[in-house]
Amino acid sequence: METTAFQVAERNITLVALANIQPSGYNPRKNFDEASLTELSESIRQQGVLQPIGVRPMEDNRFEIVFGERRYRASLMAGLEEIPAIVMEISDETAEEMAVTENLQRKDVTPIEEANAYQKLIESGRHDVQSLAVQFGKNENYIRTRLKFVSLIPEIALLLEQDEITISVANEICRYGEDIQREVYDKHLKEGVQYNSWRGMKASDVAQNIERQYTTDLDRYAFDKALCLSCPHNTNNMMLFCEGGCGNCANRTCLAEMNASYLTEKAVRLMEERPDVPLCYESFNYNETVVERLIAMGFEVESLNTYSKKYPEQPEAPQKEEYDTAEEYEEANKEYEQDLNDYTEQCEEIRTRSEAGEITLYFRIESKDIVLCYVPNVAHAANGTQQEKQLSPVEKLEKQDKRNKEIALEKTVEDTKKQILEVDMSERKFGQDEDKMIYFFLLSYLRREHFEAVGIEEKEPYHSLTEEEKTNIIANLTGKQKAIIRRDFLIANFKNAYGSNAIASLLLDFAQKHMPEELTNIKNGYNEVYEKRHQRIEEKKAVLLVQEQAKQEAEQSDEQQPETEVQSEEQTQAEEMAA
């Protein structure tokens, strides 16, 4: 594969002026270590750029970086005017995927950068956890663990980036929602915390601390806690541990069951009240037991790939007895009325967008509650599709029956996957059916310009092949079509041949042959700007030097003034004595 990738890339390698290149917003890497860049720039001064960067042409003879932004920055620091680059004619979608994927090939990729990269690939719609595991040689649990880091609050994510906490500790923290993460950070991980700091703790100890201090706090649960008030497992009923509030539950099993039962009953009630609003959950914060129970009961529970936004909460009216003066109560009422107006406007906007099909409402199953939320309707925004018609009671039952059948199939597939992993197939012959399966996966890399060549019509600018289309294509592939698919796969992945190996010789005279006038104009333009700025700086420096000199002369004058005054006083005394 490396040899072919070399041959494919060699024809596109050229020298591009650094002044003509601009960074891309697709690069998930946002932080660049200055010391490392300085080291790389020194190496580039000595040996040049050994591995070309990837760029794609833009308007006005400019180029956008697809991969290699670190080499681009180091080359600027080294004072180079040109850099070897592979020029690629690719779409925005392909450029983003290549930038994200190349970012994951680096040895120094941080867990947060890795998490954001995986998330971008999934959000593109061309990958799921299984395909990512295959593409990057990771197991699925590894991918899922990294994806959880997307839910870390920025402060804790930064601690992970800076190696202030370990991956294992971060994995324990990201199990919980933003409120708990915020409290854990402020009280135990924030810089300057001297007492009860959790920095340096083992992951198991952090997990126990969170469970002990947060997950058992009854105030954090929404179910009716009337029975808990008199329960012997409530720490408020243990004299030595009386803590006020609802207390903490010492019986974790009972707590989990009461919470799961409450959420299941609430979900059923909400579906009866609003059958038009589906159930959903987000992978980083949900109650797995509740989801499994609802699915077993025949409800459809959708797993969201994008993050939902919580429906606004209605503000609470102020209570007069809570305020010391009438003026304070009146001021609180004014704020409440404003908040209520904002709430009403937000609700009306959401209702309008929902009726227009721009967003979809969901009941989101969280770890300790079920809340109303909404997500943008991407398909509607792109295609102008209309909202699904209101289903009749019979149609709803048919839909539920269809979902029950899907659940049976999903469970069958899941158990079959587990069984396949335990079967030794190393001695079995690789068959034609398996060869077709290979092309099914390779089709994900097929370039848009080759759709027609393999028998599919391009439907839209960012069209991606459906599973049905892939199945139809691989049924009767010719040798030529197979070659097209394989080559597109190599082109999409030729960057994987990088590392310590150079993939092509550098075509040093390309830029001079093909765009000498443009390069000269750009250089002259930047040099002209620099000269103007340089002149202004010199003028400012001259003014500052004059001011500094005047200041020094004033200070010297102040130092000499006391001596003059002493001499004057002595002269006066001498004159008086002579008189």
Protein backbone atom coordinates (compact mmCIF):
# COMPACT_ATOMS: atom_id res chain seq x y z
CA MET A 1 0.00 0.00 0.00
CA GLU A 2 2.86 2.38 0.80
CA THR A 3 4.40 1.97 -2.65
CA THR A 4 1.14 2.75 -4.40
CA ALA A 5 0.47 5.72 -2.12
CA PHE A 6 3.96 6.99 -2.98
CA GLN A 7 3.24 6.76 -6.68
CA VAL A 8 -0.13 8.46 -6.31
CA ALA A 9 1.24 11.32 -4.23
CA GLU A 10 4.47 11.88 -6.17
CA ARG A 11 2.76 13.61 -9.06
CA ASN A 12 1.17 16.20 -6.77
CA ILE A 13 4.20 17.29 -4.71
CA THR A 14 5.38 20.84 -5.24
CA LEU A 15 6.89 23.84 -3.49
CA VAL A 16 4.31 26.33 -2.25
CA ALA A 17 5.04 29.78 -0.87
CA LEU A 18 4.33 30.01 2.85
CA ALA A 19 2.79 33.42 2.21
CA ASN A 20 0.16 31.67 0.07
CA ILE A 21 -0.84 29.15 2.75
CA GLN A 22 -3.49 29.53 5.43
CA PRO A 23 -4.35 27.22 8.35
CA SER A 24 -7.60 25.28 8.33
CA GLY A 25 -10.39 25.40 10.88
CA TYR A 26 -10.77 21.63 10.53
CA ASN A 27 -7.63 20.81 12.50
CA PRO A 28 -8.71 19.47 15.92
CA ARG A 29 -5.28 20.34 17.30
CA LYS A 30 -5.55 23.81 18.81
CA ASN A 31 -2.47 23.92 21.06
CA PHE A 32 1.10 23.84 19.77
CA ASP A 33 3.98 23.46 22.22
CA GLU A 34 6.36 26.39 21.68
CA ALA A 35 9.46 24.51 22.83
CA SER A 36 8.68 21.63 20.47
CA LEU A 37 8.04 24.04 17.59
CA THR A 38 11.35 25.78 18.25
CA GLU A 39 13.15 22.45 18.19
CA LEU A 40 11.45 21.48 14.93
CA SER A 41 12.20 24.86 13.34
CA GLU A 42 15.90 24.44 14.17
CA SER A 43 15.85 21.00 12.55
CA ILE A 44 14.18 22.49 9.47
CA ARG A 45 16.89 25.17 9.25
CA GLN A 46 19.52 22.43 9.19
CA GLN A 47 17.86 19.73 7.07
CA GLY A 48 14.79 21.29 5.49
CA VAL A 49 11.25 19.90 5.62
CA LEU A 50 11.59 16.13 5.22
CA GLN A 51 7.88 15.37 4.97
CA PRO A 52 5.58 17.50 2.81
CA ILE A 53 2.41 18.99 4.19
CA GLY A 54 -0.99 18.48 2.56
CA VAL A 55 -2.84 21.46 1.06
CA ARG A 56 -5.78 22.09 -1.21
CA PRO A 57 -6.19 25.04 -3.59
CA MET A 58 -8.50 27.91 -2.63
CA GLU A 59 -9.48 31.15 -4.35
CA ASP A 60 -6.95 33.81 -5.39
CA ASN A 61 -4.12 31.27 -5.79
CA ARG A 62 -4.10 30.51 -2.08
CA PHE A 63 -3.91 27.12 -0.36
CA GLU A 64 -5.50 25.73 2.80
CA ILE A 65 -3.69 23.25 5.03
CA VAL A 66 -5.23 19.78 5.14
CA PHE A 67 -2.53 18.28 7.37
CA GLY A 68 0.91 19.34 8.59
CA GLU A 69 0.12 22.64 10.35
CA ARG A 70 2.93 22.05 12.86
CA ARG A 71 5.50 21.77 10.05
CA TYR A 72 4.00 24.92 8.49
CA ARG A 73 4.36 26.89 11.74
CA ALA A 74 7.91 25.64 12.32
CA SER A 75 8.87 26.59 8.74
CA LEU A 76 7.62 30.13 9.36
CA MET A 77 9.74 30.28 12.51
CA ALA A 78 12.73 28.98 10.53
CA GLY A 79 12.37 31.85 8.06
CA LEU A 80 11.57 29.70 5.01
CA GLU A 81 9.73 31.19 2.08
CA GLU A 82 8.52 27.90 0.57
CA ILE A 83 7.50 24.49 1.82
CA PRO A 84 7.05 21.14 0.03
CA ALA A 85 3.39 20.28 -0.19
CA ILE A 86 1.04 17.73 -1.69
CA VAL A 87 -1.66 19.63 -3.58
CA MET A 88 -5.01 17.83 -3.47
CA GLU A 89 -8.29 18.60 -5.18
CA ILE A 90 -10.68 17.51 -2.42
CA SER A 91 -14.02 18.60 -1.00
CA ASP A 92 -14.65 20.28 2.36
CA GLU A 93 -15.96 16.98 3.72
CA THR A 94 -12.89 15.01 2.66
CA ALA A 95 -10.53 17.76 3.85
CA GLU A 96 -12.10 17.73 7.30
CA GLU A 97 -11.94 13.94 7.57
CA MET A 98 -8.31 13.83 6.39
CA ALA A 99 -7.31 16.58 8.83
CA VAL A 100 -8.97 14.83 11.74
CA THR A 101 -7.70 11.38 10.81
CA GLU A 102 -4.11 12.58 10.24
CA ASN A 103 -4.24 14.25 13.64
CA LEU A 104 -4.88 10.84 15.19
CA GLN A 105 -1.74 9.35 13.60
CA ARG A 106 0.59 11.45 15.74
CA LYS A 107 2.33 9.87 18.71
CA ASP A 108 1.89 12.99 20.84
CA VAL A 109 -1.87 13.31 20.36
CA THR A 110 -3.50 14.17 23.69
CA PRO A 111 -6.55 12.30 25.00
CA ILE A 112 -8.75 15.39 24.57
CA GLU A 113 -7.58 15.99 21.00
CA GLU A 114 -8.17 12.30 20.33
CA ALA A 115 -11.68 12.49 21.82
CA ASN A 116 -12.59 15.56 19.75
CA ALA A 117 -11.20 13.91 16.62
CA TYR A 118 -13.25 10.74 17.10
CA GLN A 119 -16.33 12.86 17.81
CA LYS A 120 -15.85 14.84 14.58
CA LEU A 121 -15.55 11.64 12.55
CA ILE A 122 -18.76 10.27 14.06
CA GLU A 123 -20.62 13.54 13.55
CA SER A 124 -19.61 13.47 9.87
CA GLY A 125 -22.00 10.53 9.47
CA ARG A 126 -19.39 8.39 7.72
CA HIS A 127 -18.16 6.55 10.80
CA ASP A 128 -19.38 4.83 13.92
CA VAL A 129 -17.54 3.29 16.86
CA GLN A 130 -17.05 -0.01 15.03
CA SER A 131 -15.55 1.55 11.88
CA LEU A 132 -13.27 3.79 13.95
CA ALA A 133 -11.99 0.77 15.85
CA VAL A 134 -11.15 -0.98 12.57
CA GLN A 135 -9.58 2.08 10.94
CA PHE A 136 -7.28 2.96 13.84
CA GLY A 137 -6.55 -0.51 15.16
CA LYS A 138 -8.23 0.13 18.52
CA ASN A 139 -10.84 -1.89 20.37
CA GLU A 140 -14.33 -0.46 20.66
CA ASN A 141 -14.08 0.09 24.42
CA TYR A 142 -11.02 2.28 23.85
CA ILE A 143 -12.94 4.43 21.34
CA ARG A 144 -15.96 4.71 23.65
CA THR A 145 -13.75 5.68 26.59
CA ARG A 146 -12.09 8.43 24.57
CA LEU A 147 -15.46 9.70 23.35
CA LYS A 148 -16.56 10.16 26.96
CA PHE A 149 -13.85 12.79 27.41
CA VAL A 150 -15.87 15.11 25.15
CA SER A 151 -18.25 15.57 28.10
CA LEU A 152 -15.52 16.80 30.47
CA ILE A 153 -15.88 20.42 31.55
CA PRO A 154 -13.08 22.63 30.10
CA GLU A 155 -11.22 22.97 33.40
CA ILE A 156 -10.92 19.21 33.95
CA ALA A 157 -10.17 18.64 30.25
CA LEU A 158 -7.26 21.07 30.61
CA LEU A 159 -5.94 19.14 33.63
CA LEU A 160 -5.95 15.99 31.49
CA GLU A 161 -4.20 17.83 28.65
CA GLN A 162 -1.49 18.99 31.05
CA ASP A 163 -1.07 15.55 32.67
CA GLU A 164 -2.26 16.94 36.01
CA ILE A 165 -4.68 14.00 36.21
CA THR A 166 -4.44 10.57 34.61
CA ILE A 167 -6.63 9.09 31.91
CA SER A 168 -8.05 6.65 34.45
CA VAL A 169 -9.05 9.48 36.79
CA ALA A 170 -10.63 11.43 33.91
CA ASN A 171 -12.53 8.29 32.91
CA GLU A 172 -14.08 8.12 36.37
CA ILE A 173 -14.99 11.82 36.43
CA CYS A 174 -16.58 11.93 32.97
CA ARG A 175 -19.21 9.40 34.07
CA TYR A 176 -21.01 12.24 35.81
CA GLY A 177 -22.81 15.36 34.67
CA GLU A 178 -21.53 18.92 34.57
CA ASP A 179 -22.83 19.83 38.04
CA ILE A 180 -20.86 17.07 39.79
CA GLN A 181 -17.79 17.67 37.63
CA ARG A 182 -17.88 21.36 38.53
CA GLU A 183 -18.09 20.60 42.24
CA VAL A 184 -15.31 18.01 42.05
CA TYR A 185 -13.08 20.51 40.27
CA ASP A 186 -13.78 23.47 42.58
CA LYS A 187 -13.38 21.50 45.82
CA HIS A 188 -10.75 18.89 44.98
CA LEU A 189 -8.84 19.57 41.75
CA LYS A 190 -8.57 23.34 41.40
CA GLU A 191 -5.12 24.92 41.64
CA GLY A 192 -4.48 26.14 45.19
CA VAL A 193 -6.78 23.66 46.95
CA GLN A 194 -4.75 22.65 50.01
CA TYR A 195 -7.21 20.58 52.01
CA ASN A 196 -8.90 17.48 50.59
CA SER A 197 -7.13 17.77 47.24
CA TRP A 198 -7.57 14.74 44.96
CA ARG A 199 -4.57 15.47 42.75
CA GLY A 200 -2.23 12.49 42.63
CA MET A 201 -4.93 10.07 43.83
CA LYS A 202 -5.46 6.70 42.18
CA ALA A 203 -8.49 6.39 39.93
CA SER A 204 -10.12 3.86 42.26
CA ASP A 205 -9.85 6.29 45.18
CA VAL A 206 -11.32 9.13 43.13
CA ALA A 207 -14.19 6.87 42.07
CA GLN A 208 -14.92 5.94 45.67
CA ASN A 209 -14.78 9.56 46.78
CA ILE A 210 -17.21 10.70 44.10
CA GLU A 211 -19.56 7.84 44.84
CA ARG A 212 -19.39 8.48 48.57
CA GLN A 213 -19.68 12.26 48.46
CA TYR A 214 -21.98 12.83 45.50
CA THR A 215 -23.86 9.89 44.09
CA THR A 216 -25.49 8.94 47.41
CA ASP A 217 -26.66 12.47 48.23
CA LEU A 218 -30.43 12.11 48.30
CA ASP A 219 -30.86 15.77 47.42
CA ARG A 220 -29.53 14.92 43.95
CA TYR A 221 -32.37 12.46 43.25
CA ALA A 222 -35.85 13.43 42.05
CA PHE A 223 -37.90 10.49 43.39
CA ASP A 224 -40.17 10.84 46.43
CA LYS A 225 -37.94 10.48 49.48
CA ALA A 226 -40.69 10.21 52.11
CA LEU A 227 -39.65 6.63 52.97
CA CYS A 228 -36.01 7.70 53.12
CA LEU A 229 -36.67 10.12 55.99
CA SER A 230 -37.24 7.28 58.44
CA CYS A 231 -34.94 4.73 56.80
CA PRO A 232 -32.15 3.42 59.06
CA HIS A 233 -29.77 3.62 56.07
CA ASN A 234 -30.22 7.40 55.88
CA THR A 235 -27.15 9.05 57.42
CA ASN A 236 -29.42 11.69 58.98
CA ASN A 237 -30.75 8.91 61.21
CA MET A 238 -27.25 8.01 62.33
CA MET A 239 -26.36 10.39 65.13
CA LEU A 240 -22.65 10.48 64.36
CA PHE A 241 -23.23 11.38 60.72
CA CYS A 242 -26.17 13.76 60.83
CA GLU A 243 -25.65 16.12 57.89
CA GLY A 244 -28.95 17.94 57.42
CA GLY A 245 -30.99 18.07 54.21
CA CYS A 246 -32.32 14.76 52.93
CA GLY A 247 -29.13 13.01 54.03
CA ASN A 248 -27.03 10.40 52.25
CA CYS A 249 -28.16 6.87 51.51
CA ALA A 250 -25.91 4.11 52.83
CA ASN A 251 -27.79 1.40 50.93
CA ARG A 252 -26.57 1.85 47.35
CA THR A 253 -28.61 -1.05 45.95
CA CYS A 254 -31.86 0.29 47.36
CA LEU A 255 -31.03 3.80 46.13
CA ALA A 256 -30.33 2.60 42.59
CA GLU A 257 -33.56 0.58 42.47
CA MET A 258 -35.73 3.40 43.80
CA ASN A 259 -34.19 5.80 41.28
CA ALA A 260 -34.62 3.37 38.36
CA SER A 261 -38.23 2.59 39.31
CA TYR A 262 -39.08 6.28 39.60
CA LEU A 263 -37.51 7.14 36.22
CA THR A 264 -39.21 4.21 34.49
CA GLU A 265 -42.62 5.23 35.86
CA LYS A 266 -41.99 8.85 34.92
CA ALA A 267 -41.03 7.87 31.37
CA VAL A 268 -44.22 5.80 30.96
CA ARG A 269 -46.31 8.69 32.31
CA LEU A 270 -44.66 11.21 30.00
CA MET A 271 -45.22 8.96 26.98
CA GLU A 272 -48.89 8.72 27.87
CA GLU A 273 -49.15 12.49 28.16
CA ARG A 274 -47.03 13.31 25.10
CA PRO A 275 -46.92 10.28 22.76
CA ASP A 276 -45.61 12.54 19.98
CA VAL A 277 -42.34 13.20 21.86
CA PRO A 278 -39.90 10.24 21.65
CA LEU A 279 -37.53 9.04 24.36
CA CYS A 280 -33.77 9.38 24.00
CA TYR A 281 -30.50 9.24 25.93
CA GLU A 282 -26.97 10.57 25.56
CA SER A 283 -24.09 8.14 26.02
CA PHE A 284 -22.19 10.18 28.62
CA ASN A 285 -25.05 10.66 31.12
CA TYR A 286 -27.92 8.19 31.25
CA ASN A 287 -29.42 5.45 33.38
CA GLU A 288 -28.67 2.19 31.61
CA THR A 289 -31.10 0.18 33.75
CA VAL A 290 -34.00 2.49 32.87
CA VAL A 291 -33.20 2.39 29.15
CA GLU A 292 -33.09 -1.43 29.18
CA ARG A 293 -36.39 -1.66 31.07
CA LEU A 294 -38.17 0.71 28.71
CA ILE A 295 -36.90 -1.12 25.64
CA ALA A 296 -38.02 -4.42 27.15
CA MET A 297 -41.45 -2.86 27.70
CA GLY A 298 -41.62 -2.09 23.96
CA PHE A 299 -40.75 1.60 24.02
CA GLU A 300 -38.43 3.05 21.40
CA VAL A 301 -35.46 4.78 23.03
CA GLU A 302 -33.16 6.59 20.62
CA SER A 303 -29.44 7.04 21.25
CA LEU A 304 -28.47 10.58 20.26
CA ASN A 305 -25.26 11.09 18.30
CA THR A 306 -25.46 14.86 18.76
CA TYR A 307 -25.82 16.75 22.00
CA SER A 308 -29.30 17.95 22.87
CA LYS A 309 -30.25 21.24 24.46
CA LYS A 310 -32.40 21.27 27.57
CA TYR A 311 -35.80 22.91 27.36
CA PRO A 312 -35.83 26.21 29.31
CA GLU A 313 -37.05 25.99 32.91
CA GLN A 314 -39.90 28.19 34.06
CA PRO A 315 -38.70 30.77 36.61
CA GLU A 316 -40.13 30.61 40.14
CA ALA A 317 -42.11 33.57 41.48
CA PRO A 318 -40.53 35.27 44.51
CA GLN A 319 -42.14 34.73 47.92
CA LYS A 320 -42.78 37.89 49.94
CA GLU A 321 -41.76 36.32 53.24
CA GLU A 322 -38.28 35.66 51.88
CA TYR A 323 -37.47 39.40 51.62
CA ASP A 324 -36.70 41.88 54.39
CA THR A 325 -38.22 44.98 52.77
CA ALA A 326 -41.00 45.78 50.34
CA GLU A 327 -38.48 47.42 48.02
CA GLU A 328 -36.42 44.20 47.77
CA TYR A 329 -39.57 42.17 47.10
CA GLU A 330 -40.70 44.63 44.41
CA GLU A 331 -37.27 44.50 42.73
CA ALA A 332 -37.37 40.69 42.79
CA ASN A 333 -40.82 40.76 41.17
CA LYS A 334 -39.52 42.96 38.34
CA GLU A 335 -36.68 40.52 37.69
CA TYR A 336 -39.14 37.63 37.80
CA GLU A 337 -41.43 39.29 35.24
CA GLN A 338 -38.48 39.85 32.91
CA ASP A 339 -37.33 36.24 33.35
CA LEU A 340 -40.89 35.04 32.72
CA ASN A 341 -41.11 37.09 29.51
CA ASP A 342 -37.78 35.64 28.34
CA TYR A 343 -38.98 32.14 29.19
CA THR A 344 -42.25 32.65 27.28
CA GLU A 345 -40.40 33.94 24.22
CA GLN A 346 -37.97 31.01 24.30
CA CYS A 347 -40.82 28.51 24.56
CA GLU A 348 -42.67 30.16 21.69
CA GLU A 349 -39.56 30.09 19.53
CA ILE A 350 -39.03 26.39 20.27
CA ARG A 351 -42.69 25.64 19.51
CA THR A 352 -42.49 27.50 16.19
CA ARG A 353 -39.26 25.75 15.18
CA SER A 354 -40.70 22.39 16.18
CA GLU A 355 -43.85 22.89 14.08
CA ALA A 356 -41.66 23.97 11.15
CA GLY A 357 -39.63 20.76 11.45
CA GLU A 358 -36.41 22.60 12.27
CA ILE A 359 -35.96 20.82 15.62
CA THR A 360 -37.14 17.60 17.25
CA LEU A 361 -38.35 17.42 20.84
CA TYR A 362 -37.25 14.53 23.05
CA PHE A 363 -37.66 13.29 26.59
CA ARG A 364 -34.04 12.73 27.59
CA ILE A 365 -33.29 9.97 30.10
CA GLU A 366 -30.56 11.15 32.45
CA SER A 367 -28.92 9.32 35.33
CA LYS A 368 -31.28 10.84 37.92
CA ASP A 369 -34.10 12.53 35.98
CA ILE A 370 -35.98 12.75 32.69
CA VAL A 371 -36.06 16.18 31.06
CA LEU A 372 -37.55 17.73 27.95
CA CYS A 373 -34.92 18.69 25.38
CA TYR A 374 -34.54 19.35 21.66
CA VAL A 375 -32.00 18.82 18.86
CA PRO A 376 -31.63 20.55 15.47
CA ASN A 377 -33.11 18.72 12.51
CA VAL A 378 -30.09 18.58 10.20
CA ALA A 379 -31.98 16.79 7.45
CA HIS A 380 -34.66 19.46 7.45
CA ALA A 381 -32.12 22.27 7.24
CA ALA A 382 -30.34 20.58 4.32
CA ASN A 383 -33.24 19.22 2.33
CA GLY A 384 -36.24 21.20 3.52
CA THR A 385 -38.02 17.97 4.46
CA GLN A 386 -41.26 18.29 6.32
CA GLN A 387 -42.06 17.06 9.81
CA GLU A 388 -43.43 13.55 10.06
CA LYS A 389 -47.22 13.45 10.01
CA GLN A 390 -49.16 12.83 13.20
CA LEU A 391 -49.62 9.09 13.67
CA SER A 392 -52.98 7.50 14.42
CA PRO A 393 -53.30 5.14 17.42
CA VAL A 394 -53.16 2.12 15.08
CA GLU A 395 -50.09 3.47 13.30
CA LYS A 396 -48.40 4.05 16.67
CA LEU A 397 -49.05 0.41 17.66
CA GLU A 398 -47.67 -0.77 14.32
CA LYS A 399 -44.61 1.41 14.82
CA GLN A 400 -44.12 -0.03 18.30
CA ASP A 401 -44.48 -3.59 16.95
CA LYS A 402 -41.90 -2.81 14.26
CA ARG A 403 -39.55 -1.50 16.91
CA ASN A 404 -39.99 -4.66 18.99
CA LYS A 405 -38.93 -6.73 15.98
CA GLU A 406 -35.91 -4.46 15.48
CA ILE A 407 -34.95 -4.95 19.12
CA ALA A 408 -34.99 -8.73 18.66
CA LEU A 409 -32.70 -8.37 15.64
CA GLU A 410 -30.39 -5.97 17.49
CA LYS A 411 -30.01 -8.40 20.38
CA THR A 412 -29.31 -11.24 17.93
CA VAL A 413 -26.61 -9.20 16.18
CA GLU A 414 -25.04 -8.16 19.48
CA ASP A 415 -24.78 -11.74 20.78
CA THR A 416 -23.51 -12.95 17.39
CA LYS A 417 -20.73 -10.34 17.45
CA LYS A 418 -19.61 -11.60 20.84
CA GLN A 419 -19.67 -15.21 19.63
CA ILE A 420 -17.65 -14.45 16.48
CA LEU A 421 -14.86 -12.95 18.58
CA GLU A 422 -14.51 -16.27 20.41
CA VAL A 423 -14.35 -18.45 17.26
CA ASP A 424 -10.96 -19.27 15.71
CA MET A 425 -11.23 -18.73 11.93
CA SER A 426 -7.51 -18.58 11.13
CA GLU A 427 -7.53 -21.98 9.37
CA ARG A 428 -10.60 -21.30 7.25
CA LYS A 429 -10.35 -20.29 3.58
CA PHE A 430 -11.08 -16.67 2.68
CA GLY A 431 -14.18 -16.85 0.46
CA GLN A 432 -15.80 -14.68 -2.20
CA ASP A 433 -18.51 -13.57 0.21
CA GLU A 434 -15.83 -12.21 2.53
CA ASP A 435 -14.19 -10.46 -0.44
CA LYS A 436 -17.49 -8.66 -1.07
CA MET A 437 -17.60 -7.64 2.57
CA ILE A 438 -14.18 -6.02 2.21
CA TYR A 439 -15.45 -3.87 -0.67
CA PHE A 440 -18.54 -2.97 1.36
CA PHE A 441 -16.26 -1.26 3.90
CA LEU A 442 -13.90 0.19 1.28
CA LEU A 443 -16.80 1.98 -0.38
CA SER A 444 -16.82 4.49 2.48
CA TYR A 445 -13.72 6.01 0.88
CA LEU A 446 -15.11 6.25 -2.66
CA ARG A 447 -14.67 9.75 -4.06
CA ARG A 448 -17.70 11.58 -5.39
CA GLU A 449 -16.33 11.85 -8.92
CA HIS A 450 -16.27 8.03 -9.16
CA PHE A 451 -19.86 7.40 -8.07
CA GLU A 452 -21.05 7.06 -11.65
CA ALA A 453 -18.18 4.72 -12.55
CA VAL A 454 -19.34 2.17 -9.99
CA GLY A 455 -23.03 2.58 -10.76
CA ILE A 456 -24.45 5.18 -8.39
CA GLU A 457 -25.82 8.60 -9.19
CA GLU A 458 -24.66 11.55 -7.13
CA LYS A 459 -27.65 13.01 -5.33
CA GLU A 460 -26.28 16.02 -3.46
CA PRO A 461 -22.94 17.81 -2.79
CA TYR A 462 -22.19 15.94 0.42
CA HIS A 463 -23.85 12.69 -0.44
CA SER A 464 -22.70 9.60 1.47
CA LEU A 465 -23.51 6.07 0.37
CA THR A 466 -26.33 4.31 2.18
CA GLU A 467 -26.00 0.70 3.27
CA GLU A 468 -28.51 -0.38 0.63
CA GLU A 469 -26.53 1.39 -2.11
CA LYS A 470 -23.30 -0.24 -0.96
CA THR A 471 -24.93 -3.67 -0.97
CA ASN A 472 -26.26 -3.16 -4.50
CA ILE A 473 -22.88 -1.95 -5.77
CA ILE A 474 -20.79 -4.82 -4.43
CA ALA A 475 -23.18 -7.42 -5.84
CA ASN A 476 -21.64 -7.29 -9.34
CA LEU A 477 -18.36 -5.41 -9.31
CA THR A 478 -16.13 -5.56 -12.38
CA GLY A 479 -12.34 -5.66 -12.19
CA LYS A 480 -12.12 -2.02 -13.24
CA GLN A 481 -14.62 -0.93 -10.58
CA LYS A 482 -12.70 -2.84 -7.92
CA ALA A 483 -9.52 -1.06 -8.97
CA ILE A 484 -11.26 2.33 -8.67
CA ILE A 485 -12.49 1.51 -5.17
CA ARG A 486 -9.09 0.23 -4.03
CA ARG A 487 -7.28 3.29 -5.40
CA ASP A 488 -9.72 5.70 -3.75
CA PHE A 489 -9.10 3.88 -0.49
CA LEU A 490 -5.33 4.29 -0.95
CA ILE A 491 -5.66 7.98 -1.83
CA ALA A 492 -7.78 8.62 1.25
CA ASN A 493 -5.28 6.81 3.45
CA PHE A 494 -1.93 7.54 1.82
CA LYS A 495 -1.13 9.80 4.76
CA ASN A 496 -0.79 6.66 6.88
CA ALA A 497 2.50 5.98 5.10
CA TYR A 498 3.97 9.00 6.86
CA GLY A 499 5.97 8.87 10.02
CA SER A 500 9.72 8.63 9.79
CA ASN A 501 9.67 7.74 6.07
CA ALA A 502 9.78 10.32 3.25
CA ILE A 503 7.18 9.42 0.57
CA ALA A 504 8.44 11.47 -2.37
CA SER A 505 11.34 13.54 -3.64
CA LEU A 506 10.76 17.26 -3.52
CA LEU A 507 10.02 19.13 -6.79
CA LEU A 508 11.94 22.28 -5.85
CA ASP A 509 11.31 24.26 -9.01
CA PHE A 510 7.53 23.75 -9.29
CA ALA A 511 6.46 26.99 -7.63
CA GLN A 512 8.99 29.04 -9.60
CA LYS A 513 7.82 27.54 -12.91
CA HIS A 514 4.07 27.79 -12.38
CA MET A 515 3.47 30.96 -10.37
CA PRO A 516 6.57 33.18 -10.24
CA GLU A 517 4.66 36.46 -10.77
CA GLU A 518 2.10 35.66 -8.07
CA LEU A 519 4.83 34.78 -5.60
CA THR A 520 6.73 37.98 -6.37
CA ASN A 521 3.59 40.11 -5.95
CA ILE A 522 2.72 38.51 -2.63
CA LYS A 523 6.26 38.84 -1.30
CA ASN A 524 6.42 42.48 -2.38
CA GLY A 525 3.04 43.14 -0.77
CA TYR A 526 4.09 41.69 2.58
CA ASN A 527 7.47 43.40 2.43
CA GLU A 528 5.78 46.74 1.75
CA VAL A 529 3.53 46.27 4.78
CA TYR A 530 6.52 45.30 6.87
CA GLU A 531 8.52 48.35 5.84
CA LYS A 532 5.66 50.65 6.79
CA ARG A 533 5.26 48.98 10.17
CA HIS A 534 9.03 48.99 10.65
CA GLN A 535 9.15 52.73 9.95
CA ARG A 536 6.37 53.39 12.48
CA ILE A 537 8.16 51.32 15.10
CA GLU A 538 11.41 53.21 14.52
CA GLU A 539 9.56 56.50 14.91
CA LYS A 540 8.00 55.34 18.17
CA LYS A 541 11.38 54.13 19.41
CA ALA A 542 12.90 57.53 18.66
CA VAL A 543 10.17 59.26 20.67
CA LEU A 544 10.66 56.85 23.58
CA LEU A 545 14.44 57.42 23.53
CA VAL A 546 13.93 61.18 23.69
CA GLN A 547 11.49 60.77 26.58
CA GLU A 548 13.88 58.46 28.39
CA GLN A 549 16.76 60.90 27.95
CA ALA A 550 14.65 63.78 29.26
CA LYS A 551 13.65 61.66 32.25
CA GLN A 552 17.27 60.86 33.07
CA GLU A 553 18.26 64.55 32.81
CA ALA A 554 15.39 65.48 35.15
CA GLU A 555 16.51 62.86 37.68
CA GLN A 556 20.10 64.16 37.56
CA SER A 557 18.83 67.72 38.05
CA ASP A 558 16.84 66.62 41.12
CA GLU A 559 19.92 64.99 42.62
CA GLN A 560 22.03 68.13 42.17
CA GLN A 561 19.39 70.51 43.59
CA PRO A 562 19.87 69.61 47.33
CA GLU A 563 23.65 70.26 47.06
CA THR A 564 22.96 73.73 45.60
CA GLU A 565 20.52 74.52 48.41
CA VAL A 566 23.09 73.48 51.09
CA GLN A 567 25.76 75.64 49.50
CA SER A 568 23.37 78.60 49.40
CA GLU A 569 22.49 78.16 53.09
CA GLU A 570 26.16 78.01 54.14
CA GLN A 571 26.93 81.16 52.16
CA THR A 572 24.06 83.03 53.91
CA GLN A 573 25.32 82.00 57.36
CA ALA A 574 28.86 83.15 56.51
CA GLU A 575 27.58 86.54 55.38
CA GLU A 576 25.61 87.00 58.62
CA MET A 577 28.68 86.21 60.76
CA ALA A 578 30.83 88.68 58.81
CA ALA A 579 28.26 91.40 59.37
